[in-house]
């Protein structure tokens, strides 16, 4: 699991452009939302780093004595490696950080879409929410927003985001999907749930984390370019 630096965004230009178009109240609300996005990005990066430390490869587990603050384990047999991932304290620590990670990621996308709705004056009906589904539907309507929609799709338009949504909702309303250790692939796995097959934990979290920084910034940059051209 590689280390990726967290990225934050300055909202000064966007707030200035929105204030001219929508007024100071909307601009201030956008400023608060972008500060929340930046904060969630930092939370996400923190949890990602914690998960990186906890989800160690089998070889690393064999070589280490202190696995984390809660448990010390010297793994001498393959079954001990597998038992590590089912240990109550270890899984509790991993699960808590994964829940914090996926919740922060989902919140970043929802707040990003909320910023777009505020800036472009998209008003949902009673049965709709200012989330990615509503926002993508609204952006689909005009040629001027095509580039913005394309940038948003790079974050939440693929199967990884569909999986993230279900993972987040399952963790929120039921429990975090169980993590097991696959000895054949030498990696921890999310067990299959709902209609989703099992998935490699490290690969999925890497992909989701990579889509968070620069791609979020690209959406905000495209929104920056779009706002001054709105009459």
C-alpha atoms as a PDB file:
ATOM      1  CA  UNK A   1       0.000   0.000   0.000  1.00  0.00           C
ATOM      2  CA  UNK A   2       1.711   3.164  -1.156  1.00  0.00           C
ATOM      3  CA  UNK A   3       1.808   6.485   0.660  1.00  0.00           C
ATOM      4  CA  UNK A   4      -0.048   9.374  -1.000  1.00  0.00           C
ATOM      5  CA  UNK A   5       0.000  12.927   0.321  1.00  0.00           C
ATOM      6  CA  UNK A   6      -3.304  14.580   1.142  1.00  0.00           C
ATOM      7  CA  UNK A   7      -4.366  17.527  -1.016  1.00  0.00           C
ATOM      8  CA  UNK A   8      -6.373  20.576  -0.002  1.00  0.00           C
ATOM      9  CA  UNK A   9      -7.962  23.328  -2.080  1.00  0.00           C
ATOM     10  CA  UNK A  10      -8.081  27.107  -1.699  1.00  0.00           C
ATOM     11  CA  UNK A  11     -11.635  28.357  -2.229  1.00  0.00           C
ATOM     12  CA  UNK A  12     -10.824  32.063  -2.644  1.00  0.00           C
ATOM     13  CA  UNK A  13     -11.254  32.303  -6.428  1.00  0.00           C
ATOM     14  CA  UNK A  14     -14.394  30.171  -6.521  1.00  0.00           C
ATOM     15  CA  UNK A  15     -16.030  32.116  -3.678  1.00  0.00           C
ATOM     16  CA  UNK A  16     -15.233  35.393  -5.409  1.00  0.00           C
ATOM     17  CA  UNK A  17     -16.773  34.234  -8.697  1.00  0.00           C
ATOM     18  CA  UNK A  18     -19.850  32.780  -6.988  1.00  0.00           C
ATOM     19  CA  UNK A  19     -20.367  35.940  -4.936  1.00  0.00           C
ATOM     20  CA  UNK A  20     -20.629  38.021  -8.112  1.00  0.00           C
ATOM     21  CA  UNK A  21     -23.102  35.546  -9.579  1.00  0.00           C
ATOM     22  CA  UNK A  22     -25.115  34.269  -6.596  1.00  0.00           C
ATOM     23  CA  UNK A  23     -24.454  36.687  -3.738  1.00  0.00           C
ATOM     24  CA  UNK A  24     -22.413  36.672  -0.551  1.00  0.00           C
ATOM     25  CA  UNK A  25     -24.591  34.207   1.386  1.00  0.00           C
ATOM     26  CA  UNK A  26     -24.184  31.426  -1.197  1.00  0.00           C
ATOM     27  CA  UNK A  27     -20.475  32.230  -1.525  1.00  0.00           C
ATOM     28  CA  UNK A  28     -20.050  31.903   2.246  1.00  0.00           C
ATOM     29  CA  UNK A  29     -21.884  28.569   2.256  1.00  0.00           C
ATOM     30  CA  UNK A  30     -19.638  27.308  -0.527  1.00  0.00           C
ATOM     31  CA  UNK A  31     -16.613  28.400   1.487  1.00  0.00           C
ATOM     32  CA  UNK A  32     -17.829  26.389   4.490  1.00  0.00           C
ATOM     33  CA  UNK A  33     -18.463  23.344   2.292  1.00  0.00           C
ATOM     34  CA  UNK A  34     -14.999  23.461   0.728  1.00  0.00           C
ATOM     35  CA  UNK A  35     -13.414  23.780   4.157  1.00  0.00           C
ATOM     36  CA  UNK A  36     -15.365  20.654   5.126  1.00  0.00           C
ATOM     37  CA  UNK A  37     -14.086  18.901   1.998  1.00  0.00           C
ATOM     38  CA  UNK A  38     -10.516  19.813   2.949  1.00  0.00           C
ATOM     39  CA  UNK A  39     -11.081  18.571   6.493  1.00  0.00           C
ATOM     40  CA  UNK A  40     -12.582  15.305   5.284  1.00  0.00           C
ATOM     41  CA  UNK A  41      -9.642  14.884   2.918  1.00  0.00           C
ATOM     42  CA  UNK A  42      -7.310  15.105   5.906  1.00  0.00           C
ATOM     43  CA  UNK A  43      -9.417  12.595   7.863  1.00  0.00           C
ATOM     44  CA  UNK A  44      -9.431  10.283   4.871  1.00  0.00           C
ATOM     45  CA  UNK A  45      -5.655  10.505   4.502  1.00  0.00           C
ATOM     46  CA  UNK A  46      -5.143   9.862   8.222  1.00  0.00           C
ATOM     47  CA  UNK A  47      -7.313   6.729   8.190  1.00  0.00           C
ATOM     48  CA  UNK A  48      -5.601   5.551   4.998  1.00  0.00           C
ATOM     49  CA  UNK A  49      -2.217   5.829   6.724  1.00  0.00           C
ATOM     50  CA  UNK A  50      -3.516   3.918   9.751  1.00  0.00           C
ATOM     51  CA  UNK A  51      -4.920   1.162   7.550  1.00  0.00           C
ATOM     52  CA  UNK A  52      -1.596   0.963   5.701  1.00  0.00           C
ATOM     53  CA  UNK A  53       0.162   0.293   9.003  1.00  0.00           C
ATOM     54  CA  UNK A  54      -2.363  -2.300  10.188  1.00  0.00           C
ATOM     55  CA  UNK A  55      -2.931  -4.263   6.975  1.00  0.00           C
ATOM     56  CA  UNK A  56       0.536  -5.718   6.664  1.00  0.00           C
ATOM     57  CA  UNK A  57       1.564  -8.441   4.236  1.00  0.00           C
ATOM     58  CA  UNK A  58       2.107 -11.995   5.453  1.00  0.00           C
ATOM     59  CA  UNK A  59       5.886 -11.669   5.151  1.00  0.00           C
ATOM     60  CA  UNK A  60       5.846  -8.516   7.256  1.00  0.00           C
ATOM     61  CA  UNK A  61       3.700 -10.214   9.863  1.00  0.00           C
ATOM     62  CA  UNK A  62       6.243 -13.014  10.124  1.00  0.00           C
ATOM     63  CA  UNK A  63       9.029 -10.494  10.637  1.00  0.00           C
ATOM     64  CA  UNK A  64       7.442  -8.259  13.238  1.00  0.00           C
ATOM     65  CA  UNK A  65       6.915  -8.648  16.966  1.00  0.00           C
ATOM     66  CA  UNK A  66       4.706  -5.680  17.828  1.00  0.00           C
ATOM     67  CA  UNK A  67       1.793  -5.521  15.402  1.00  0.00           C
ATOM     68  CA  UNK A  68       0.134  -2.472  16.919  1.00  0.00           C
ATOM     69  CA  UNK A  69      -0.597  -0.899  20.276  1.00  0.00           C
ATOM     70  CA  UNK A  70      -3.301  -3.406  21.170  1.00  0.00           C
ATOM     71  CA  UNK A  71      -1.700  -6.803  20.519  1.00  0.00           C
ATOM     72  CA  UNK A  72       1.733  -8.386  20.215  1.00  0.00           C
ATOM     73  CA  UNK A  73       2.031 -11.435  17.990  1.00  0.00           C
ATOM     74  CA  UNK A  74       4.909 -13.466  16.596  1.00  0.00           C
ATOM     75  CA  UNK A  75       3.440 -15.483  13.733  1.00  0.00           C
ATOM     76  CA  UNK A  76       5.311 -18.759  13.282  1.00  0.00           C
ATOM     77  CA  UNK A  77       2.736 -20.767  11.330  1.00  0.00           C
ATOM     78  CA  UNK A  78       0.450 -19.940   8.355  1.00  0.00           C
ATOM     79  CA  UNK A  79      -2.637 -20.443  10.511  1.00  0.00           C
ATOM     80  CA  UNK A  80      -1.344 -17.820  12.946  1.00  0.00           C
ATOM     81  CA  UNK A  81      -1.194 -15.321  10.089  1.00  0.00           C
ATOM     82  CA  UNK A  82      -4.816 -16.044   9.205  1.00  0.00           C
ATOM     83  CA  UNK A  83      -5.808 -15.870  12.882  1.00  0.00           C
ATOM     84  CA  UNK A  84      -4.255 -12.393  13.022  1.00  0.00           C
ATOM     85  CA  UNK A  85      -6.957 -11.050  10.706  1.00  0.00           C
ATOM     86  CA  UNK A  86      -9.751 -12.622  12.735  1.00  0.00           C
ATOM     87  CA  UNK A  87      -8.424 -11.419  16.088  1.00  0.00           C
ATOM     88  CA  UNK A  88     -11.028  -9.261  17.842  1.00  0.00           C
ATOM     89  CA  UNK A  89      -8.707  -6.374  18.751  1.00  0.00           C
ATOM     90  CA  UNK A  90      -6.900  -6.230  15.406  1.00  0.00           C
ATOM     91  CA  UNK A  91     -10.111  -6.369  13.365  1.00  0.00           C
ATOM     92  CA  UNK A  92     -11.714  -3.764  15.590  1.00  0.00           C
ATOM     93  CA  UNK A  93      -8.828  -1.376  14.885  1.00  0.00           C
ATOM     94  CA  UNK A  94      -8.800  -2.112  11.159  1.00  0.00           C
ATOM     95  CA  UNK A  95     -12.586  -1.918  10.916  1.00  0.00           C
ATOM     96  CA  UNK A  96     -12.774   1.421  12.731  1.00  0.00           C
ATOM     97  CA  UNK A  97     -10.226   2.994  10.377  1.00  0.00           C
ATOM     98  CA  UNK A  98     -11.846   1.523   7.277  1.00  0.00           C
ATOM     99  CA  UNK A  99     -15.228   2.869   8.400  1.00  0.00           C
ATOM    100  CA  UNK A 100     -13.683   6.305   9.004  1.00  0.00           C
ATOM    101  CA  UNK A 101     -12.012   6.142   5.585  1.00  0.00           C
ATOM    102  CA  UNK A 102     -15.056   5.152   3.513  1.00  0.00           C
ATOM    103  CA  UNK A 103     -17.360   7.527   5.401  1.00  0.00           C
ATOM    104  CA  UNK A 104     -14.969  10.435   4.763  1.00  0.00           C
ATOM    105  CA  UNK A 105     -14.628   9.508   1.090  1.00  0.00           C
ATOM    106  CA  UNK A 106     -18.391   9.364   0.609  1.00  0.00           C
ATOM    107  CA  UNK A 107     -18.809  12.688   2.425  1.00  0.00           C
ATOM    108  CA  UNK A 108     -16.220  14.365   0.168  1.00  0.00           C
ATOM    109  CA  UNK A 109     -18.194  13.392  -2.936  1.00  0.00           C
ATOM    110  CA  UNK A 110     -21.550  14.443  -1.467  1.00  0.00           C
ATOM    111  CA  UNK A 111     -20.163  17.808  -0.333  1.00  0.00           C
ATOM    112  CA  UNK A 112     -18.453  18.311  -3.682  1.00  0.00           C
ATOM    113  CA  UNK A 113     -21.791  17.791  -5.430  1.00  0.00           C
ATOM    114  CA  UNK A 114     -23.445  20.139  -2.948  1.00  0.00           C
ATOM    115  CA  UNK A 115     -20.927  22.865  -3.896  1.00  0.00           C
ATOM    116  CA  UNK A 116     -21.767  22.351  -7.578  1.00  0.00           C
ATOM    117  CA  UNK A 117     -25.505  22.616  -6.853  1.00  0.00           C
ATOM    118  CA  UNK A 118     -25.032  25.833  -4.881  1.00  0.00           C
ATOM    119  CA  UNK A 119     -22.737  27.406  -7.476  1.00  0.00           C
ATOM    120  CA  UNK A 120     -24.945  26.530 -10.451  1.00  0.00           C
ATOM    121  CA  UNK A 121     -28.243  27.169  -8.629  1.00  0.00           C
ATOM    122  CA  UNK A 122     -29.530  23.619  -8.994  1.00  0.00           C
ATOM    123  CA  UNK A 123     -32.572  23.131  -6.765  1.00  0.00           C
ATOM    124  CA  UNK A 124     -33.735  19.577  -6.104  1.00  0.00           C
ATOM    125  CA  UNK A 125     -37.369  18.616  -5.750  1.00  0.00           C
ATOM    126  CA  UNK A 126     -38.862  17.263  -2.543  1.00  0.00           C
ATOM    127  CA  UNK A 127     -37.881  13.669  -3.330  1.00  0.00           C
ATOM    128  CA  UNK A 128     -34.347  14.492  -4.513  1.00  0.00           C
ATOM    129  CA  UNK A 129     -31.115  15.252  -2.711  1.00  0.00           C
ATOM    130  CA  UNK A 130     -28.123  17.351  -3.656  1.00  0.00           C
ATOM    131  CA  UNK A 131     -25.923  14.324  -4.053  1.00  0.00           C
ATOM    132  CA  UNK A 132     -24.017  12.828  -6.962  1.00  0.00           C
ATOM    133  CA  UNK A 133     -27.070  11.253  -8.680  1.00  0.00           C
ATOM    134  CA  UNK A 134     -29.016  14.507  -8.756  1.00  0.00           C
ATOM    135  CA  UNK A 135     -25.941  16.568  -9.672  1.00  0.00           C
ATOM    136  CA  UNK A 136     -24.906  14.305 -12.556  1.00  0.00           C
ATOM    137  CA  UNK A 137     -28.469  14.377 -13.889  1.00  0.00           C
ATOM    138  CA  UNK A 138     -28.484  18.176 -13.843  1.00  0.00           C
ATOM    139  CA  UNK A 139     -25.056  18.480 -15.443  1.00  0.00           C
ATOM    140  CA  UNK A 140     -26.120  16.173 -18.240  1.00  0.00           C
ATOM    141  CA  UNK A 141     -28.542  18.755 -19.568  1.00  0.00           C
ATOM    142  CA  UNK A 142     -26.244  21.342 -21.155  1.00  0.00           C
ATOM    143  CA  UNK A 143     -23.149  21.424 -23.361  1.00  0.00           C
ATOM    144  CA  UNK A 144     -21.527  24.062 -21.138  1.00  0.00           C
ATOM    145  CA  UNK A 145     -21.362  21.635 -18.190  1.00  0.00           C
ATOM    146  CA  UNK A 146     -20.064  18.652 -20.168  1.00  0.00           C
ATOM    147  CA  UNK A 147     -16.447  19.022 -19.002  1.00  0.00           C
ATOM    148  CA  UNK A 148     -17.554  19.442 -15.384  1.00  0.00           C
ATOM    149  CA  UNK A 149     -19.689  16.290 -15.590  1.00  0.00           C
ATOM    150  CA  UNK A 150     -16.767  14.385 -17.123  1.00  0.00           C
ATOM    151  CA  UNK A 151     -14.503  15.386 -14.228  1.00  0.00           C
ATOM    152  CA  UNK A 152     -17.161  14.386 -11.688  1.00  0.00           C
ATOM    153  CA  UNK A 153     -17.620  11.044 -13.451  1.00  0.00           C
ATOM    154  CA  UNK A 154     -13.931  10.298 -12.930  1.00  0.00           C
ATOM    155  CA  UNK A 155     -14.607  10.252  -9.184  1.00  0.00           C
ATOM    156  CA  UNK A 156     -18.047   8.691  -8.855  1.00  0.00           C
ATOM    157  CA  UNK A 157     -18.984   7.268 -12.238  1.00  0.00           C
ATOM    158  CA  UNK A 158     -17.383   3.815 -12.030  1.00  0.00           C
ATOM    159  CA  UNK A 159     -17.901   0.469 -10.307  1.00  0.00           C
ATOM    160  CA  UNK A 160     -15.518   1.440  -7.491  1.00  0.00           C
ATOM    161  CA  UNK A 161     -17.855   4.196  -6.353  1.00  0.00           C
ATOM    162  CA  UNK A 162     -20.880   1.896  -6.589  1.00  0.00           C
ATOM    163  CA  UNK A 163     -19.028  -0.502  -4.314  1.00  0.00           C
ATOM    164  CA  UNK A 164     -18.091   2.348  -1.958  1.00  0.00           C
ATOM    165  CA  UNK A 165     -21.736   3.438  -1.691  1.00  0.00           C
ATOM    166  CA  UNK A 166     -22.867  -0.054  -0.723  1.00  0.00           C
ATOM    167  CA  UNK A 167     -19.943  -0.522   1.644  1.00  0.00           C
ATOM    168  CA  UNK A 168     -20.732   2.776   3.369  1.00  0.00           C
ATOM    169  CA  UNK A 169     -24.467   2.094   3.622  1.00  0.00           C
ATOM    170  CA  UNK A 170     -23.888  -1.430   4.919  1.00  0.00           C
ATOM    171  CA  UNK A 171     -21.459  -0.163   7.560  1.00  0.00           C
ATOM    172  CA  UNK A 172     -23.863   2.628   8.541  1.00  0.00           C
ATOM    173  CA  UNK A 173     -26.983   0.500   8.922  1.00  0.00           C
ATOM    174  CA  UNK A 174     -25.706  -3.012   9.659  1.00  0.00           C
ATOM    175  CA  UNK A 175     -21.994  -3.720  10.119  1.00  0.00           C
ATOM    176  CA  UNK A 176     -18.730  -3.324   8.279  1.00  0.00           C
ATOM    177  CA  UNK A 177     -18.226  -6.093   5.737  1.00  0.00           C
ATOM    178  CA  UNK A 178     -16.053  -8.799   7.295  1.00  0.00           C
ATOM    179  CA  UNK A 179     -12.357  -8.887   6.408  1.00  0.00           C
ATOM    180  CA  UNK A 180     -10.649 -12.251   5.926  1.00  0.00           C
ATOM    181  CA  UNK A 181      -7.128 -13.226   4.888  1.00  0.00           C
ATOM    182  CA  UNK A 182      -6.764 -15.034   1.557  1.00  0.00           C
ATOM    183  CA  UNK A 183      -3.668 -17.211   1.870  1.00  0.00           C
ATOM    184  CA  UNK A 184      -3.583 -17.908  -1.890  1.00  0.00           C
ATOM    185  CA  UNK A 185      -3.366 -14.229  -2.856  1.00  0.00           C
ATOM    186  CA  UNK A 186      -1.470 -13.308   0.318  1.00  0.00           C
ATOM    187  CA  UNK A 187      -3.806 -10.396   0.995  1.00  0.00           C
ATOM    188  CA  UNK A 188      -6.792  -9.357   3.145  1.00  0.00           C
ATOM    189  CA  UNK A 189     -10.192  -9.478   1.422  1.00  0.00           C
ATOM    190  CA  UNK A 190     -13.614  -7.933   1.916  1.00  0.00           C
ATOM    191  CA  UNK A 191     -16.052 -10.835   2.009  1.00  0.00           C
ATOM    192  CA  UNK A 192     -18.793 -10.935  -0.635  1.00  0.00           C
ATOM    193  CA  UNK A 193     -21.931  -9.000   0.361  1.00  0.00           C
ATOM    194  CA  UNK A 194     -25.217  -8.032  -1.289  1.00  0.00           C
ATOM    195  CA  UNK A 195     -24.525  -8.487  -5.032  1.00  0.00           C
ATOM    196  CA  UNK A 196     -20.799  -7.735  -4.815  1.00  0.00           C
ATOM    197  CA  UNK A 197     -18.079 -10.398  -4.943  1.00  0.00           C
ATOM    198  CA  UNK A 198     -15.162 -10.414  -2.515  1.00  0.00           C
ATOM    199  CA  UNK A 199     -12.535  -7.751  -3.180  1.00  0.00           C
ATOM    200  CA  UNK A 200      -8.925  -7.165  -2.292  1.00  0.00           C
ATOM    201  CA  UNK A 201      -8.920  -4.614   0.562  1.00  0.00           C
ATOM    202  CA  UNK A 202      -5.580  -3.009  -0.238  1.00  0.00           C
ATOM    203  CA  UNK A 203      -6.216  -2.611  -3.976  1.00  0.00           C
ATOM    204  CA  UNK A 204      -9.670  -1.143  -3.453  1.00  0.00           C
ATOM    205  CA  UNK A 205      -8.551   1.361  -0.819  1.00  0.00           C
ATOM    206  CA  UNK A 206      -5.573   2.378  -2.980  1.00  0.00           C
ATOM    207  CA  UNK A 207      -7.875   3.067  -5.945  1.00  0.00           C
ATOM    208  CA  UNK A 208     -10.399   5.006  -3.876  1.00  0.00           C
ATOM    209  CA  UNK A 209      -7.698   7.056  -2.156  1.00  0.00           C
ATOM    210  CA  UNK A 210      -5.993   7.866  -5.480  1.00  0.00           C
ATOM    211  CA  UNK A 211      -9.264   9.215  -6.879  1.00  0.00           C
ATOM    212  CA  UNK A 212      -9.673  11.553  -3.950  1.00  0.00           C
ATOM    213  CA  UNK A 213      -7.007  14.248  -4.238  1.00  0.00           C
ATOM    214  CA  UNK A 214      -6.267  15.501  -7.730  1.00  0.00           C
ATOM    215  CA  UNK A 215      -9.600  14.397  -9.197  1.00  0.00           C
ATOM    216  CA  UNK A 216     -11.538  16.386  -6.596  1.00  0.00           C
ATOM    217  CA  UNK A 217      -9.337  19.393  -7.344  1.00  0.00           C
ATOM    218  CA  UNK A 218     -10.013  18.949 -11.078  1.00  0.00           C
ATOM    219  CA  UNK A 219     -13.773  19.144 -10.463  1.00  0.00           C
ATOM    220  CA  UNK A 220     -13.358  22.380  -8.504  1.00  0.00           C
ATOM    221  CA  UNK A 221     -11.013  23.810 -11.154  1.00  0.00           C
ATOM    222  CA  UNK A 222     -13.556  23.063 -13.883  1.00  0.00           C
ATOM    223  CA  UNK A 223     -16.280  24.686 -11.777  1.00  0.00           C
ATOM    224  CA  UNK A 224     -13.951  27.705 -11.440  1.00  0.00           C
ATOM    225  CA  UNK A 225     -13.672  27.922 -15.226  1.00  0.00           C
ATOM    226  CA  UNK A 226     -17.402  27.535 -15.723  1.00  0.00           C
ATOM    227  CA  UNK A 227     -18.768  30.107 -13.242  1.00  0.00           C
ATOM    228  CA  UNK A 228     -17.370  33.294 -14.902  1.00  0.00           C
ATOM    229  CA  UNK A 229     -19.000  32.274 -18.216  1.00  0.00           C
ATOM    230  CA  UNK A 230     -22.497  32.043 -16.754  1.00  0.00           C
ATOM    231  CA  UNK A 231     -24.579  35.095 -17.513  1.00  0.00           C
END
